[in-house]
Amino acid sequence: MSVMTENKTQRTPYDAEHVQIVDHGLVMTALYIPDPEQAKDPSYVLEHITDSQYEAVEVVAEATRHFKNEGAAFSGWIVRSGYSYGEPIATKREALAQLHREITDYFTR
């Protein structure tokens, strides 16, 4: 009689719960970071995202501040996810709310 053992590797769910937002003032970046140890310092992960140890990390969405006096067609925020760009948003608070909606949409597509 043989005893079969089951490989009990724990998998991290692919969901919005594993997204961290890195706020650098004029840019807010939403990162899916599946490794709990890496998620402890999302700013560091963003700065080193091209390192092979972060290959499972994804940029889910980003909000960027634009200024008319710097050549933009408007002053305000734009939220993008993938190749989709939203409409201009007046305040950072509204941009953050839209960023959270994009995160939710990203995982329900």
Protein backbone atom coordinates (compact mmCIF):
# COMPACT_ATOMS: atom_id res chain seq x y z
CA MET A 1 0.00 0.00 0.00
CA SER A 2 1.42 3.39 -0.93
CA VAL A 3 0.71 6.60 0.82
CA MET A 4 0.24 9.61 -1.39
CA THR A 5 1.23 12.96 0.00
CA GLU A 6 -0.29 16.13 -1.17
CA ASN A 7 1.84 19.14 -1.99
CA LYS A 8 0.34 21.84 0.17
CA THR A 9 1.87 24.95 -1.29
CA GLN A 10 -0.06 28.02 -0.35
CA ARG A 11 -1.12 30.14 -3.28
CA THR A 12 -1.82 33.82 -2.96
CA PRO A 13 -5.16 34.78 -4.46
CA TYR A 14 -5.09 37.06 -7.47
CA ASP A 15 -7.32 39.82 -6.13
CA ALA A 16 -7.60 43.47 -5.16
CA GLU A 17 -6.82 42.63 -1.53
CA HIS A 18 -3.15 42.24 -2.52
CA VAL A 19 -2.85 45.71 -4.05
CA GLN A 20 -0.78 48.43 -2.42
CA ILE A 21 -0.94 52.09 -3.47
CA VAL A 22 2.34 53.97 -3.55
CA ASP A 23 1.74 57.73 -3.30
CA HIS A 24 4.64 59.85 -4.50
CA GLY A 25 2.75 63.14 -4.48
CA LEU A 26 2.11 63.74 -8.18
CA VAL A 27 1.91 60.04 -9.08
CA MET A 28 -0.04 57.30 -7.30
CA THR A 29 0.73 53.75 -8.42
CA ALA A 30 -1.37 50.69 -7.57
CA LEU A 31 0.76 47.53 -7.36
CA TYR A 32 -0.42 43.94 -7.10
CA ILE A 33 2.19 42.40 -4.78
CA PRO A 34 1.47 38.73 -4.04
CA ASP A 35 4.39 38.17 -1.65
CA PRO A 36 3.47 39.41 1.87
CA GLU A 37 7.12 40.11 2.71
CA GLN A 38 7.55 42.30 -0.39
CA ALA A 39 4.23 44.03 0.32
CA LYS A 40 5.69 45.42 3.56
CA ASP A 41 7.63 48.02 1.54
CA PRO A 42 5.70 48.76 -1.66
CA SER A 43 7.76 51.91 -2.40
CA TYR A 44 10.91 49.81 -2.55
CA VAL A 45 9.18 47.28 -4.80
CA LEU A 46 8.09 50.05 -7.19
CA GLU A 47 11.62 51.48 -7.33
CA HIS A 48 13.03 48.01 -8.14
CA ILE A 49 10.12 46.55 -10.12
CA THR A 50 12.39 45.38 -12.96
CA ASP A 51 14.40 43.14 -10.62
CA SER A 52 13.68 39.45 -11.25
CA GLN A 53 12.53 38.90 -7.66
CA TYR A 54 9.51 41.10 -8.42
CA GLU A 55 8.41 39.34 -11.60
CA ALA A 56 5.02 38.50 -10.06
CA VAL A 57 4.32 42.17 -9.24
CA GLU A 58 1.96 44.03 -11.58
CA VAL A 59 1.19 47.70 -12.03
CA VAL A 60 -2.61 47.64 -11.88
CA ALA A 61 -3.33 51.34 -12.37
CA GLU A 62 -1.76 54.75 -11.98
CA ALA A 63 -2.98 58.28 -11.31
CA THR A 64 -0.83 61.15 -12.56
CA ARG A 65 -1.15 64.89 -11.91
CA HIS A 66 -0.95 67.20 -14.94
CA PHE A 67 -0.54 70.97 -15.03
CA LYS A 68 -1.74 73.36 -17.71
CA ASN A 69 1.18 75.70 -17.06
CA GLU A 70 3.55 72.82 -17.91
CA GLY A 71 1.96 72.23 -21.30
CA ALA A 72 -0.92 69.87 -20.51
CA ALA A 73 -4.35 70.58 -22.00
CA PHE A 74 -5.82 70.70 -18.47
CA SER A 75 -4.85 70.87 -14.82
CA GLY A 76 -5.88 67.79 -12.89
CA TRP A 77 -5.43 64.06 -12.59
CA ILE A 78 -5.64 61.24 -15.14
CA VAL A 79 -6.11 57.64 -14.03
CA ARG A 80 -4.96 54.91 -16.36
CA SER A 81 -5.18 51.15 -16.25
CA GLY A 82 -3.42 49.25 -18.99
CA TYR A 83 -3.98 51.23 -22.18
CA SER A 84 -7.19 52.85 -20.92
CA TYR A 85 -7.02 56.49 -19.87
CA GLY A 86 -9.85 58.16 -17.99
CA GLU A 87 -11.18 61.68 -18.17
CA PRO A 88 -9.47 64.54 -16.30
CA ILE A 89 -10.24 64.60 -12.57
CA ALA A 90 -10.07 67.84 -10.58
CA THR A 91 -8.86 66.70 -7.14
CA LYS A 92 -6.47 64.14 -5.72
CA ARG A 93 -9.24 62.75 -3.50
CA GLU A 94 -11.42 62.09 -6.56
CA ALA A 95 -8.44 60.60 -8.39
CA LEU A 96 -7.78 58.24 -5.48
CA ALA A 97 -11.43 57.15 -5.50
CA GLN A 98 -11.20 56.49 -9.25
CA LEU A 99 -7.94 54.60 -8.73
CA HIS A 100 -9.74 52.31 -6.26
CA ARG A 101 -12.52 51.71 -8.83
CA GLU A 102 -9.91 50.83 -11.46
CA ILE A 103 -8.32 48.35 -9.05
CA THR A 104 -11.67 46.66 -8.46
CA ASP A 105 -12.43 46.60 -12.21
CA TYR A 106 -8.99 45.16 -12.97
CA PHE A 107 -9.75 42.02 -10.97
CA THR A 108 -13.32 41.58 -12.17
CA ARG A 109 -12.59 41.65 -15.91
